[in-house]
């Protein structure tokens, strides 16, 4: 049990968030009332790292693309996990739903927003 906890802690410590880049990295078309932003335009207040299952023999680094849609309070209202190993998808979605962001403000009003985050998990 202790080894599993140590392995999980190492996985959490070695997870890196990469900024969105390239023109091919666009989230799906959001609804008209949802702003389409880049990761750099949003400030996270809480990030929870996904746990890599200890039994998973996955090549490192693990890369997961997560498309967030956040509400006016900065809470994820819709999370889609793309380009992620199948064993990691449930853990990635569970962790992503725990993330929190500062509300996106436009013209003095909090707005819904959609953006993509690329997670790179080294260990």
PDB file of N, CA and C in Angstrom:
ATOM      1  N   UNK A   1       0.826  -1.191   0.000  1.00  0.00           N
ATOM      2  CA  UNK A   1       0.000   0.000   0.000  1.00  0.00           C
ATOM      3  C   UNK A   1       0.871   1.256   0.000  1.00  0.00           C
ATOM      4  N   UNK A   2       1.946   1.226   0.778  1.00  0.00           N
ATOM      5  CA  UNK A   2       2.834   2.379   0.858  1.00  0.00           C
ATOM      6  C   UNK A   2       3.469   2.667  -0.498  1.00  0.00           C
ATOM      7  N   UNK A   3       3.850   1.620  -1.220  1.00  0.00           N
ATOM      8  CA  UNK A   3       4.433   1.816  -2.546  1.00  0.00           C
ATOM      9  C   UNK A   3       3.444   2.468  -3.484  1.00  0.00           C
ATOM     10  N   UNK A   4       2.184   2.079  -3.402  1.00  0.00           N
ATOM     11  CA  UNK A   4       1.174   2.660  -4.269  1.00  0.00           C
ATOM     12  C   UNK A   4       1.001   4.142  -3.972  1.00  0.00           C
ATOM     13  N   UNK A   5       0.985   4.496  -2.695  1.00  0.00           N
ATOM     14  CA  UNK A   5       0.833   5.899  -2.314  1.00  0.00           C
ATOM     15  C   UNK A   5       2.040   6.703  -2.799  1.00  0.00           C
ATOM     16  N   UNK A   6       3.233   6.136  -2.641  1.00  0.00           N
ATOM     17  CA  UNK A   6       4.441   6.823  -3.106  1.00  0.00           C
ATOM     18  C   UNK A   6       4.413   6.990  -4.624  1.00  0.00           C
ATOM     19  N   UNK A   7       3.972   5.947  -5.339  1.00  0.00           N
ATOM     20  CA  UNK A   7       3.898   6.028  -6.798  1.00  0.00           C
ATOM     21  C   UNK A   7       2.879   7.080  -7.226  1.00  0.00           C
ATOM     22  N   UNK A   8       1.744   7.131  -6.543  1.00  0.00           N
ATOM     23  CA  UNK A   8       0.720   8.126  -6.869  1.00  0.00           C
ATOM     24  C   UNK A   8       1.242   9.535  -6.603  1.00  0.00           C
ATOM     25  N   UNK A   9       1.977   9.721  -5.506  1.00  0.00           N
ATOM     26  CA  UNK A   9       2.530  11.035  -5.193  1.00  0.00           C
ATOM     27  C   UNK A   9       3.537  11.466  -6.252  1.00  0.00           C
ATOM     28  N   UNK A  10       4.368  10.535  -6.716  1.00  0.00           N
ATOM     29  CA  UNK A  10       5.323  10.866  -7.767  1.00  0.00           C
ATOM     30  C   UNK A  10       4.618  11.258  -9.050  1.00  0.00           C
ATOM     31  N   UNK A  11       3.528  10.564  -9.350  1.00  0.00           N
ATOM     32  CA  UNK A  11       2.761  10.892 -10.563  1.00  0.00           C
ATOM     33  C   UNK A  11       2.203  12.305 -10.471  1.00  0.00           C
ATOM     34  N   UNK A  12       1.701  12.661  -9.292  1.00  0.00           N
ATOM     35  CA  UNK A  12       1.126  13.985  -9.125  1.00  0.00           C
ATOM     36  C   UNK A  12       2.189  15.071  -9.231  1.00  0.00           C
ATOM     37  N   UNK A  13       3.353  14.819  -8.677  1.00  0.00           N
ATOM     38  CA  UNK A  13       4.413  15.817  -8.679  1.00  0.00           C
ATOM     39  C   UNK A  13       5.027  16.017 -10.051  1.00  0.00           C
ATOM     40  N   UNK A  14       4.936  15.006 -10.906  1.00  0.00           N
ATOM     41  CA  UNK A  14       5.613  15.108 -12.194  1.00  0.00           C
ATOM     42  C   UNK A  14       4.688  15.508 -13.332  1.00  0.00           C
ATOM     43  N   UNK A  15       3.456  15.848 -13.041  1.00  0.00           N
ATOM     44  CA  UNK A  15       2.521  16.254 -14.078  1.00  0.00           C
ATOM     45  C   UNK A  15       2.791  17.706 -14.456  1.00  0.00           C
ATOM     46  N   UNK A  16       2.806  17.974 -15.752  1.00  0.00           N
ATOM     47  CA  UNK A  16       3.101  19.312 -16.247  1.00  0.00           C
ATOM     48  C   UNK A  16       1.957  19.761 -17.142  1.00  0.00           C
ATOM     49  N   UNK A  17       1.565  20.989 -16.996  1.00  0.00           N
ATOM     50  CA  UNK A  17       0.548  21.549 -17.877  1.00  0.00           C
ATOM     51  C   UNK A  17       1.266  22.298 -18.989  1.00  0.00           C
ATOM     52  N   UNK A  18       0.933  21.943 -20.223  1.00  0.00           N
ATOM     53  CA  UNK A  18       1.505  22.621 -21.375  1.00  0.00           C
ATOM     54  C   UNK A  18       0.489  23.606 -21.927  1.00  0.00           C
ATOM     55  N   UNK A  19       0.959  24.713 -22.393  1.00  0.00           N
ATOM     56  CA  UNK A  19       0.074  25.711 -22.994  1.00  0.00           C
ATOM     57  C   UNK A  19      -0.388  25.223 -24.356  1.00  0.00           C
ATOM     58  N   UNK A  20      -1.578  25.647 -24.733  1.00  0.00           N
ATOM     59  CA  UNK A  20      -2.126  25.298 -26.032  1.00  0.00           C
ATOM     60  C   UNK A  20      -1.309  25.971 -27.113  1.00  0.00           C
ATOM     61  N   UNK A  21      -1.100  25.285 -28.210  1.00  0.00           N
ATOM     62  CA  UNK A  21      -0.335  25.872 -29.301  1.00  0.00           C
ATOM     63  C   UNK A  21      -0.775  25.330 -30.633  1.00  0.00           C
ATOM     64  N   UNK A  22      -0.383  26.013 -31.683  1.00  0.00           N
ATOM     65  CA  UNK A  22      -0.686  25.546 -33.039  1.00  0.00           C
ATOM     66  C   UNK A  22      -2.110  25.858 -33.444  1.00  0.00           C
ATOM     67  N   UNK A  23      -2.314  25.914 -34.730  1.00  0.00           N
ATOM     68  CA  UNK A  23      -3.641  26.236 -35.219  1.00  0.00           C
ATOM     69  C   UNK A  23      -4.554  25.029 -35.256  1.00  0.00           C
ATOM     70  N   UNK A  24      -3.991  23.814 -35.260  1.00  0.00           N
ATOM     71  CA  UNK A  24      -4.809  22.615 -35.288  1.00  0.00           C
ATOM     72  C   UNK A  24      -5.354  22.240 -33.923  1.00  0.00           C
ATOM     73  N   UNK A  25      -4.988  22.997 -32.868  1.00  0.00           N
ATOM     74  CA  UNK A  25      -5.395  22.678 -31.506  1.00  0.00           C
ATOM     75  C   UNK A  25      -6.575  23.540 -31.074  1.00  0.00           C
ATOM     76  N   UNK A  26      -7.649  23.508 -31.823  1.00  0.00           N
ATOM     77  CA  UNK A  26      -8.797  24.332 -31.497  1.00  0.00           C
ATOM     78  C   UNK A  26      -9.882  23.453 -30.879  1.00  0.00           C
ATOM     79  N   UNK A  27     -10.542  23.952 -29.800  1.00  0.00           N
ATOM     80  CA  UNK A  27     -11.631  23.181 -29.224  1.00  0.00           C
ATOM     81  C   UNK A  27     -12.811  23.128 -30.182  1.00  0.00           C
ATOM     82  N   UNK A  28     -13.711  22.172 -29.980  1.00  0.00           N
ATOM     83  CA  UNK A  28     -14.880  22.094 -30.844  1.00  0.00           C
ATOM     84  C   UNK A  28     -15.703  23.373 -30.753  1.00  0.00           C
ATOM     85  N   UNK A  29     -16.496  23.629 -31.776  1.00  0.00           N
ATOM     86  CA  UNK A  29     -17.277  24.861 -31.833  1.00  0.00           C
ATOM     87  C   UNK A  29     -18.242  24.937 -30.659  1.00  0.00           C
ATOM     88  N   UNK A  30     -18.046  25.916 -29.763  1.00  0.00           N
ATOM     89  CA  UNK A  30     -18.940  26.062 -28.624  1.00  0.00           C
ATOM     90  C   UNK A  30     -20.235  26.764 -29.021  1.00  0.00           C
ATOM     91  N   UNK A  31     -21.187  26.770 -28.103  1.00  0.00           N
ATOM     92  CA  UNK A  31     -22.441  27.472 -28.335  1.00  0.00           C
ATOM     93  C   UNK A  31     -22.162  28.967 -28.469  1.00  0.00           C
ATOM     94  N   UNK A  32     -23.087  29.703 -29.044  1.00  0.00           N
ATOM     95  CA  UNK A  32     -22.862  31.115 -29.341  1.00  0.00           C
ATOM     96  C   UNK A  32     -22.652  31.965 -28.092  1.00  0.00           C
ATOM     97  N   UNK A  33     -23.191  31.565 -26.946  1.00  0.00           N
ATOM     98  CA  UNK A  33     -23.020  32.359 -25.729  1.00  0.00           C
ATOM     99  C   UNK A  33     -21.741  31.991 -24.964  1.00  0.00           C
ATOM    100  N   UNK A  34     -20.937  31.075 -25.495  1.00  0.00           N
ATOM    101  CA  UNK A  34     -19.702  30.646 -24.855  1.00  0.00           C
ATOM    102  C   UNK A  34     -18.518  31.232 -25.616  1.00  0.00           C
ATOM    103  N   UNK A  35     -17.637  31.937 -24.875  1.00  0.00           N
ATOM    104  CA  UNK A  35     -16.444  32.504 -25.502  1.00  0.00           C
ATOM    105  C   UNK A  35     -15.448  31.395 -25.803  1.00  0.00           C
ATOM    106  N   UNK A  36     -14.818  31.465 -26.952  1.00  0.00           N
ATOM    107  CA  UNK A  36     -13.808  30.493 -27.344  1.00  0.00           C
ATOM    108  C   UNK A  36     -12.439  31.136 -27.091  1.00  0.00           C
ATOM    109  N   UNK A  37     -11.711  30.610 -26.103  1.00  0.00           N
ATOM    110  CA  UNK A  37     -10.452  31.208 -25.676  1.00  0.00           C
ATOM    111  C   UNK A  37      -9.305  30.225 -25.791  1.00  0.00           C
ATOM    112  N   UNK A  38      -8.103  30.727 -25.536  1.00  0.00           N
ATOM    113  CA  UNK A  38      -6.920  29.885 -25.421  1.00  0.00           C
ATOM    114  C   UNK A  38      -6.599  29.739 -23.937  1.00  0.00           C
ATOM    115  N   UNK A  39      -5.840  28.702 -23.623  1.00  0.00           N
ATOM    116  CA  UNK A  39      -5.455  28.421 -22.245  1.00  0.00           C
ATOM    117  C   UNK A  39      -4.780  29.634 -21.602  1.00  0.00           C
ATOM    118  N   UNK A  40      -3.982  30.371 -22.365  1.00  0.00           N
ATOM    119  CA  UNK A  40      -3.256  31.513 -21.833  1.00  0.00           C
ATOM    120  C   UNK A  40      -4.195  32.646 -21.395  1.00  0.00           C
ATOM    121  N   UNK A  41      -5.421  32.662 -21.905  1.00  0.00           N
ATOM    122  CA  UNK A  41      -6.380  33.719 -21.582  1.00  0.00           C
ATOM    123  C   UNK A  41      -7.167  33.450 -20.311  1.00  0.00           C
ATOM    124  N   UNK A  42      -6.947  32.294 -19.686  1.00  0.00           N
ATOM    125  CA  UNK A  42      -7.707  31.888 -18.514  1.00  0.00           C
ATOM    126  C   UNK A  42      -6.735  31.655 -17.358  1.00  0.00           C
ATOM    127  N   UNK A  43      -7.143  32.049 -16.158  1.00  0.00           N
ATOM    128  CA  UNK A  43      -6.283  31.841 -14.990  1.00  0.00           C
ATOM    129  C   UNK A  43      -6.917  30.795 -14.076  1.00  0.00           C
ATOM    130  N   UNK A  44      -6.166  29.719 -13.848  1.00  0.00           N
ATOM    131  CA  UNK A  44      -6.688  28.672 -12.964  1.00  0.00           C
ATOM    132  C   UNK A  44      -6.403  29.035 -11.515  1.00  0.00           C
ATOM    133  N   UNK A  45      -7.325  28.684 -10.634  1.00  0.00           N
ATOM    134  CA  UNK A  45      -7.138  28.907  -9.199  1.00  0.00           C
ATOM    135  C   UNK A  45      -6.903  27.589  -8.472  1.00  0.00           C
ATOM    136  N   UNK A  46      -7.276  26.483  -9.104  1.00  0.00           N
ATOM    137  CA  UNK A  46      -7.071  25.161  -8.512  1.00  0.00           C
ATOM    138  C   UNK A  46      -6.880  24.160  -9.635  1.00  0.00           C
ATOM    139  N   UNK A  47      -5.789  23.393  -9.555  1.00  0.00           N
ATOM    140  CA  UNK A  47      -5.535  22.330 -10.532  1.00  0.00           C
ATOM    141  C   UNK A  47      -5.359  21.023  -9.776  1.00  0.00           C
ATOM    142  N   UNK A  48      -6.050  19.996 -10.223  1.00  0.00           N
ATOM    143  CA  UNK A  48      -5.929  18.665  -9.644  1.00  0.00           C
ATOM    144  C   UNK A  48      -5.313  17.765 -10.704  1.00  0.00           C
ATOM    145  N   UNK A  49      -4.225  17.101 -10.359  1.00  0.00           N
ATOM    146  CA  UNK A  49      -3.507  16.245 -11.303  1.00  0.00           C
ATOM    147  C   UNK A  49      -4.163  14.869 -11.367  1.00  0.00           C
ATOM    148  N   UNK A  50      -4.311  14.302 -12.562  1.00  0.00           N
ATOM    149  CA  UNK A  50      -4.877  12.954 -12.669  1.00  0.00           C
ATOM    150  C   UNK A  50      -3.894  11.912 -12.146  1.00  0.00           C
ATOM    151  N   UNK A  51      -4.425  10.880 -11.531  1.00  0.00           N
ATOM    152  CA  UNK A  51      -3.613   9.792 -10.998  1.00  0.00           C
ATOM    153  C   UNK A  51      -3.445   8.726 -12.082  1.00  0.00           C
ATOM    154  N   UNK A  52      -2.201   8.307 -12.292  1.00  0.00           N
ATOM    155  CA  UNK A  52      -1.934   7.234 -13.250  1.00  0.00           C
ATOM    156  C   UNK A  52      -2.152   5.915 -12.516  1.00  0.00           C
ATOM    157  N   UNK A  53      -3.016   5.032 -13.031  1.00  0.00           N
ATOM    158  CA  UNK A  53      -3.215   3.748 -12.366  1.00  0.00           C
ATOM    159  C   UNK A  53      -1.882   3.003 -12.258  1.00  0.00           C
ATOM    160  N   UNK A  54      -1.546   2.482 -11.066  1.00  0.00           N
ATOM    161  CA  UNK A  54      -0.245   1.831 -10.879  1.00  0.00           C
ATOM    162  C   UNK A  54      -0.061   0.588 -11.752  1.00  0.00           C
ATOM    163  N   UNK A  55      -1.155  -0.054 -12.142  1.00  0.00           N
ATOM    164  CA  UNK A  55      -1.058  -1.267 -12.960  1.00  0.00           C
ATOM    165  C   UNK A  55      -0.922  -0.951 -14.450  1.00  0.00           C
ATOM    166  N   UNK A  56      -1.120   0.311 -14.816  1.00  0.00           N
ATOM    167  CA  UNK A  56      -1.097   0.695 -16.234  1.00  0.00           C
ATOM    168  C   UNK A  56       0.342   0.735 -16.748  1.00  0.00           C
ATOM    169  N   UNK A  57       0.596   0.010 -17.776  1.00  0.00           N
ATOM    170  CA  UNK A  57       1.904   0.002 -18.428  1.00  0.00           C
ATOM    171  C   UNK A  57       1.841   0.972 -19.612  1.00  0.00           C
ATOM    172  N   UNK A  58       1.832   2.240 -19.304  1.00  0.00           N
ATOM    173  CA  UNK A  58       1.706   3.264 -20.332  1.00  0.00           C
ATOM    174  C   UNK A  58       3.064   3.896 -20.606  1.00  0.00           C
ATOM    175  N   UNK A  59       3.380   4.129 -21.875  1.00  0.00           N
ATOM    176  CA  UNK A  59       4.637   4.802 -22.194  1.00  0.00           C
ATOM    177  C   UNK A  59       4.602   6.245 -21.697  1.00  0.00           C
ATOM    178  N   UNK A  60       5.733   6.711 -21.237  1.00  0.00           N
ATOM    179  CA  UNK A  60       5.841   8.078 -20.745  1.00  0.00           C
ATOM    180  C   UNK A  60       6.490   8.945 -21.801  1.00  0.00           C
ATOM    181  N   UNK A  61       6.209  10.181 -21.915  1.00  0.00           N
ATOM    182  CA  UNK A  61       5.189  10.895 -21.156  1.00  0.00           C
ATOM    183  C   UNK A  61       3.783  10.591 -21.688  1.00  0.00           C
ATOM    184  N   UNK A  62       2.822  10.690 -20.798  1.00  0.00           N
ATOM    185  CA  UNK A  62       1.410  10.516 -21.165  1.00  0.00           C
ATOM    186  C   UNK A  62       0.881  11.899 -21.515  1.00  0.00           C
ATOM    187  N   UNK A  63       0.170  12.004 -22.628  1.00  0.00           N
ATOM    188  CA  UNK A  63      -0.369  13.283 -23.078  1.00  0.00           C
ATOM    189  C   UNK A  63      -1.887  13.185 -23.144  1.00  0.00           C
ATOM    190  N   UNK A  64      -2.544  14.104 -22.495  1.00  0.00           N
ATOM    191  CA  UNK A  64      -4.004  14.167 -22.514  1.00  0.00           C
ATOM    192  C   UNK A  64      -4.439  15.579 -22.900  1.00  0.00           C
ATOM    193  N   UNK A  65      -5.356  15.668 -23.832  1.00  0.00           N
ATOM    194  CA  UNK A  65      -5.946  16.949 -24.210  1.00  0.00           C
ATOM    195  C   UNK A  65      -7.319  17.034 -23.557  1.00  0.00           C
ATOM    196  N   UNK A  66      -7.537  18.111 -22.822  1.00  0.00           N
ATOM    197  CA  UNK A  66      -8.800  18.289 -22.110  1.00  0.00           C
ATOM    198  C   UNK A  66      -9.438  19.592 -22.583  1.00  0.00           C
ATOM    199  N   UNK A  67     -10.682  19.506 -23.042  1.00  0.00           N
ATOM    200  CA  UNK A  67     -11.432  20.687 -23.467  1.00  0.00           C
ATOM    201  C   UNK A  67     -12.405  21.032 -22.346  1.00  0.00           C
ATOM    202  N   UNK A  68     -12.217  22.217 -21.771  1.00  0.00           N
ATOM    203  CA  UNK A  68     -13.061  22.700 -20.681  1.00  0.00           C
ATOM    204  C   UNK A  68     -14.094  23.670 -21.226  1.00  0.00           C
ATOM    205  N   UNK A  69     -15.288  23.626 -20.678  1.00  0.00           N
ATOM    206  CA  UNK A  69     -16.262  24.699 -20.799  1.00  0.00           C
ATOM    207  C   UNK A  69     -16.588  25.086 -19.374  1.00  0.00           C
ATOM    208  N   UNK A  70     -16.320  26.356 -19.029  1.00  0.00           N
ATOM    209  CA  UNK A  70     -16.558  26.800 -17.657  1.00  0.00           C
ATOM    210  C   UNK A  70     -17.744  27.752 -17.626  1.00  0.00           C
ATOM    211  N   UNK A  71     -18.418  27.771 -16.485  1.00  0.00           N
ATOM    212  CA  UNK A  71     -19.565  28.666 -16.331  1.00  0.00           C
ATOM    213  C   UNK A  71     -19.101  30.044 -15.843  1.00  0.00           C
ATOM    214  N   UNK A  72     -20.033  30.893 -15.537  1.00  0.00           N
ATOM    215  CA  UNK A  72     -19.725  32.266 -15.141  1.00  0.00           C
ATOM    216  C   UNK A  72     -18.954  32.346 -13.820  1.00  0.00           C
ATOM    217  N   UNK A  73     -19.017  31.291 -13.005  1.00  0.00           N
ATOM    218  CA  UNK A  73     -18.305  31.272 -11.723  1.00  0.00           C
ATOM    219  C   UNK A  73     -16.906  30.669 -11.844  1.00  0.00           C
ATOM    220  N   UNK A  74     -16.553  30.155 -13.028  1.00  0.00           N
ATOM    221  CA  UNK A  74     -15.240  29.550 -13.229  1.00  0.00           C
ATOM    222  C   UNK A  74     -15.200  28.070 -12.914  1.00  0.00           C
ATOM    223  N   UNK A  75     -16.362  27.452 -12.792  1.00  0.00           N
ATOM    224  CA  UNK A  75     -16.472  26.022 -12.496  1.00  0.00           C
ATOM    225  C   UNK A  75     -16.711  25.267 -13.805  1.00  0.00           C
ATOM    226  N   UNK A  76     -15.996  24.148 -14.054  1.00  0.00           N
ATOM    227  CA  UNK A  76     -16.227  23.388 -15.285  1.00  0.00           C
ATOM    228  C   UNK A  76     -17.668  22.892 -15.378  1.00  0.00           C
ATOM    229  N   UNK A  77     -18.336  23.227 -16.472  1.00  0.00           N
ATOM    230  CA  UNK A  77     -19.698  22.737 -16.695  1.00  0.00           C
ATOM    231  C   UNK A  77     -19.698  21.585 -17.689  1.00  0.00           C
ATOM    232  N   UNK A  78     -18.644  21.508 -18.512  1.00  0.00           N
ATOM    233  CA  UNK A  78     -18.496  20.405 -19.455  1.00  0.00           C
ATOM    234  C   UNK A  78     -17.009  20.145 -19.637  1.00  0.00           C
ATOM    235  N   UNK A  79     -16.622  18.880 -19.526  1.00  0.00           N
ATOM    236  CA  UNK A  79     -15.223  18.482 -19.697  1.00  0.00           C
ATOM    237  C   UNK A  79     -15.186  17.339 -20.701  1.00  0.00           C
ATOM    238  N   UNK A  80     -14.351  17.492 -21.733  1.00  0.00           N
ATOM    239  CA  UNK A  80     -14.158  16.438 -22.731  1.00  0.00           C
ATOM    240  C   UNK A  80     -12.683  16.069 -22.744  1.00  0.00           C
ATOM    241  N   UNK A  81     -12.400  14.768 -22.648  1.00  0.00           N
ATOM    242  CA  UNK A  81     -11.025  14.285 -22.682  1.00  0.00           C
ATOM    243  C   UNK A  81     -10.763  13.697 -24.061  1.00  0.00           C
ATOM    244  N   UNK A  82      -9.750  14.262 -24.739  1.00  0.00           N
ATOM    245  CA  UNK A  82      -9.384  13.817 -26.090  1.00  0.00           C
ATOM    246  C   UNK A  82      -7.928  13.379 -26.092  1.00  0.00           C
ATOM    247  N   UNK A  83      -7.565  12.565 -27.049  1.00  0.00           N
ATOM    248  CA  UNK A  83      -6.168  12.161 -27.264  1.00  0.00           C
ATOM    249  C   UNK A  83      -5.482  11.746 -25.970  1.00  0.00           C
ATOM    250  N   UNK A  84      -6.102  10.848 -25.250  1.00  0.00           N
ATOM    251  CA  UNK A  84      -5.575  10.382 -23.973  1.00  0.00           C
ATOM    252  C   UNK A  84      -5.693   8.857 -23.960  1.00  0.00           C
ATOM    253  N   UNK A  85      -4.687   8.147 -23.401  1.00  0.00           N
ATOM    254  CA  UNK A  85      -4.823   6.686 -23.331  1.00  0.00           C
ATOM    255  C   UNK A  85      -6.116   6.292 -22.617  1.00  0.00           C
ATOM    256  N   UNK A  86      -6.732   5.243 -23.096  1.00  0.00           N
ATOM    257  CA  UNK A  86      -8.043   4.828 -22.582  1.00  0.00           C
ATOM    258  C   UNK A  86      -8.049   4.601 -21.075  1.00  0.00           C
ATOM    259  N   UNK A  87      -6.965   4.033 -20.540  1.00  0.00           N
ATOM    260  CA  UNK A  87      -6.891   3.798 -19.092  1.00  0.00           C
ATOM    261  C   UNK A  87      -6.852   5.092 -18.289  1.00  0.00           C
ATOM    262  N   UNK A  88      -6.393   6.166 -18.899  1.00  0.00           N
ATOM    263  CA  UNK A  88      -6.254   7.447 -18.200  1.00  0.00           C
ATOM    264  C   UNK A  88      -7.490   8.334 -18.306  1.00  0.00           C
ATOM    265  N   UNK A  89      -8.363   8.077 -19.259  1.00  0.00           N
ATOM    266  CA  UNK A  89      -9.481   8.981 -19.508  1.00  0.00           C
ATOM    267  C   UNK A  89     -10.393   9.199 -18.301  1.00  0.00           C
ATOM    268  N   UNK A  90     -10.814   8.151 -17.572  1.00  0.00           N
ATOM    269  CA  UNK A  90     -11.684   8.414 -16.412  1.00  0.00           C
ATOM    270  C   UNK A  90     -10.988   9.252 -15.338  1.00  0.00           C
ATOM    271  N   UNK A  91      -9.718   8.963 -15.070  1.00  0.00           N
ATOM    272  CA  UNK A  91      -8.982   9.718 -14.056  1.00  0.00           C
ATOM    273  C   UNK A  91      -8.757  11.163 -14.491  1.00  0.00           C
ATOM    274  N   UNK A  92      -8.474  11.357 -15.776  1.00  0.00           N
ATOM    275  CA  UNK A  92      -8.262  12.708 -16.298  1.00  0.00           C
ATOM    276  C   UNK A  92      -9.557  13.526 -16.192  1.00  0.00           C
ATOM    277  N   UNK A  93     -10.690  12.930 -16.534  1.00  0.00           N
ATOM    278  CA  UNK A  93     -11.965  13.651 -16.466  1.00  0.00           C
ATOM    279  C   UNK A  93     -12.357  13.952 -15.017  1.00  0.00           C
ATOM    280  N   UNK A  94     -12.124  12.990 -14.127  1.00  0.00           N
ATOM    281  CA  UNK A  94     -12.441  13.193 -12.711  1.00  0.00           C
ATOM    282  C   UNK A  94     -11.605  14.333 -12.135  1.00  0.00           C
ATOM    283  N   UNK A  95     -10.314  14.359 -12.462  1.00  0.00           N
ATOM    284  CA  UNK A  95      -9.436  15.422 -11.971  1.00  0.00           C
ATOM    285  C   UNK A  95      -9.818  16.771 -12.584  1.00  0.00           C
ATOM    286  N   UNK A  96     -10.118  16.787 -13.883  1.00  0.00           N
ATOM    287  CA  UNK A  96     -10.451  18.040 -14.570  1.00  0.00           C
ATOM    288  C   UNK A  96     -11.725  18.673 -14.012  1.00  0.00           C
ATOM    289  N   UNK A  97     -12.675  17.864 -13.595  1.00  0.00           N
ATOM    290  CA  UNK A  97     -13.905  18.405 -13.009  1.00  0.00           C
ATOM    291  C   UNK A  97     -13.665  19.095 -11.676  1.00  0.00           C
ATOM    292  N   UNK A  98     -12.520  18.843 -11.051  1.00  0.00           N
ATOM    293  CA  UNK A  98     -12.182  19.479  -9.769  1.00  0.00           C
ATOM    294  C   UNK A  98     -11.404  20.784  -9.954  1.00  0.00           C
ATOM    295  N   UNK A  99     -11.004  21.099 -11.196  1.00  0.00           N
ATOM    296  CA  UNK A  99     -10.273  22.339 -11.450  1.00  0.00           C
ATOM    297  C   UNK A  99     -11.213  23.525 -11.236  1.00  0.00           C
ATOM    298  N   UNK A 100     -10.618  24.673 -10.896  1.00  0.00           N
ATOM    299  CA  UNK A 100     -11.374  25.915 -10.747  1.00  0.00           C
ATOM    300  C   UNK A 100     -10.610  27.042 -11.436  1.00  0.00           C
ATOM    301  N   UNK A 101     -11.353  28.028 -11.924  1.00  0.00           N
ATOM    302  CA  UNK A 101     -10.775  29.126 -12.692  1.00  0.00           C
ATOM    303  C   UNK A 101     -11.370  30.437 -12.221  1.00  0.00           C
ATOM    304  N   UNK A 102     -10.626  31.524 -12.476  1.00  0.00           N
ATOM    305  CA  UNK A 102     -11.198  32.841 -12.254  1.00  0.00           C
ATOM    306  C   UNK A 102     -12.255  33.068 -13.330  1.00  0.00           C
ATOM    307  N   UNK A 103     -13.355  33.713 -12.973  1.00  0.00           N
ATOM    308  CA  UNK A 103     -14.386  33.974 -13.990  1.00  0.00           C
ATOM    309  C   UNK A 103     -13.819  34.788 -15.157  1.00  0.00           C
ATOM    310  N   UNK A 104     -14.270  34.481 -16.358  1.00  0.00           N
ATOM    311  CA  UNK A 104     -13.850  35.210 -17.547  1.00  0.00           C
ATOM    312  C   UNK A 104     -14.754  36.433 -17.669  1.00  0.00           C
ATOM    313  N   UNK A 105     -14.139  37.600 -17.644  1.00  0.00           N
ATOM    314  CA  UNK A 105     -14.899  38.850 -17.673  1.00  0.00           C
ATOM    315  C   UNK A 105     -14.818  39.505 -19.048  1.00  0.00           C
ATOM    316  N   UNK A 106     -15.957  39.910 -19.589  1.00  0.00           N
ATOM    317  CA  UNK A 106     -16.041  40.675 -20.834  1.00  0.00           C
ATOM    318  C   UNK A 106     -17.075  41.762 -20.626  1.00  0.00           C
ATOM    319  N   UNK A 107     -16.675  43.003 -20.872  1.00  0.00           N
ATOM    320  CA  UNK A 107     -17.564  44.155 -20.715  1.00  0.00           C
ATOM    321  C   UNK A 107     -18.190  44.207 -19.323  1.00  0.00           C
ATOM    322  N   UNK A 108     -17.396  43.861 -18.302  1.00  0.00           N
ATOM    323  CA  UNK A 108     -17.862  43.921 -16.921  1.00  0.00           C
ATOM    324  C   UNK A 108     -18.766  42.776 -16.493  1.00  0.00           C
ATOM    325  N   UNK A 109     -18.960  41.798 -17.362  1.00  0.00           N
ATOM    326  CA  UNK A 109     -19.848  40.669 -17.066  1.00  0.00           C
ATOM    327  C   UNK A 109     -19.069  39.371 -17.098  1.00  0.00           C
ATOM    328  N   UNK A 110     -19.365  38.469 -16.169  1.00  0.00           N
ATOM    329  CA  UNK A 110     -18.772  37.128 -16.195  1.00  0.00           C
ATOM    330  C   UNK A 110     -19.430  36.348 -17.325  1.00  0.00           C
ATOM    331  N   UNK A 111     -18.605  35.607 -18.083  1.00  0.00           N
ATOM    332  CA  UNK A 111     -19.113  34.870 -19.247  1.00  0.00           C
ATOM    333  C   UNK A 111     -18.672  33.420 -19.185  1.00  0.00           C
ATOM    334  N   UNK A 112     -19.410  32.564 -19.881  1.00  0.00           N
ATOM    335  CA  UNK A 112     -19.003  31.179 -20.076  1.00  0.00           C
ATOM    336  C   UNK A 112     -17.861  31.169 -21.075  1.00  0.00           C
ATOM    337  N   UNK A 113     -16.952  30.179 -20.947  1.00  0.00           N
ATOM    338  CA  UNK A 113     -15.812  30.118 -21.862  1.00  0.00           C
ATOM    339  C   UNK A 113     -15.438  28.674 -22.136  1.00  0.00           C
ATOM    340  N   UNK A 114     -14.834  28.453 -23.300  1.00  0.00           N
ATOM    341  CA  UNK A 114     -14.363  27.133 -23.706  1.00  0.00           C
ATOM    342  C   UNK A 114     -12.910  27.260 -24.133  1.00  0.00           C
ATOM    343  N   UNK A 115     -12.075  26.298 -23.713  1.00  0.00           N
ATOM    344  CA  UNK A 115     -10.654  26.309 -24.055  1.00  0.00           C
ATOM    345  C   UNK A 115     -10.081  24.918 -23.866  1.00  0.00           C
ATOM    346  N   UNK A 116      -8.876  24.719 -24.409  1.00  0.00           N
ATOM    347  CA  UNK A 116      -8.217  23.416 -24.354  1.00  0.00           C
ATOM    348  C   UNK A 116      -6.946  23.499 -23.516  1.00  0.00           C
ATOM    349  N   UNK A 117      -6.726  22.455 -22.698  1.00  0.00           N
ATOM    350  CA  UNK A 117      -5.508  22.313 -21.892  1.00  0.00           C
ATOM    351  C   UNK A 117      -4.852  20.999 -22.299  1.00  0.00           C
ATOM    352  N   UNK A 118      -3.549  21.036 -22.485  1.00  0.00           N
ATOM    353  CA  UNK A 118      -2.801  19.815 -22.790  1.00  0.00           C
ATOM    354  C   UNK A 118      -1.987  19.443 -21.556  1.00  0.00           C
ATOM    355  N   UNK A 119      -2.269  18.274 -21.008  1.00  0.00           N
ATOM    356  CA  UNK A 119      -1.522  17.777 -19.855  1.00  0.00           C
ATOM    357  C   UNK A 119      -0.451  16.805 -20.320  1.00  0.00           C
ATOM    358  N   UNK A 120       0.724  16.943 -19.770  1.00  0.00           N
ATOM    359  CA  UNK A 120       1.821  16.011 -20.051  1.00  0.00           C
ATOM    360  C   UNK A 120       2.243  15.417 -18.710  1.00  0.00           C
ATOM    361  N   UNK A 121       2.061  14.108 -18.573  1.00  0.00           N
ATOM    362  CA  UNK A 121       2.352  13.425 -17.319  1.00  0.00           C
ATOM    363  C   UNK A 121       3.624  12.612 -17.533  1.00  0.00           C
ATOM    364  N   UNK A 122       4.681  13.009 -16.830  1.00  0.00           N
ATOM    365  CA  UNK A 122       5.994  12.375 -17.023  1.00  0.00           C
ATOM    366  C   UNK A 122       6.162  11.093 -16.223  1.00  0.00           C
ATOM    367  N   UNK A 123       5.605  11.013 -15.050  1.00  0.00           N
ATOM    368  CA  UNK A 123       5.794   9.822 -14.203  1.00  0.00           C
ATOM    369  C   UNK A 123       4.490   9.267 -13.726  1.00  0.00           C
TER     370      UNK A 123
END
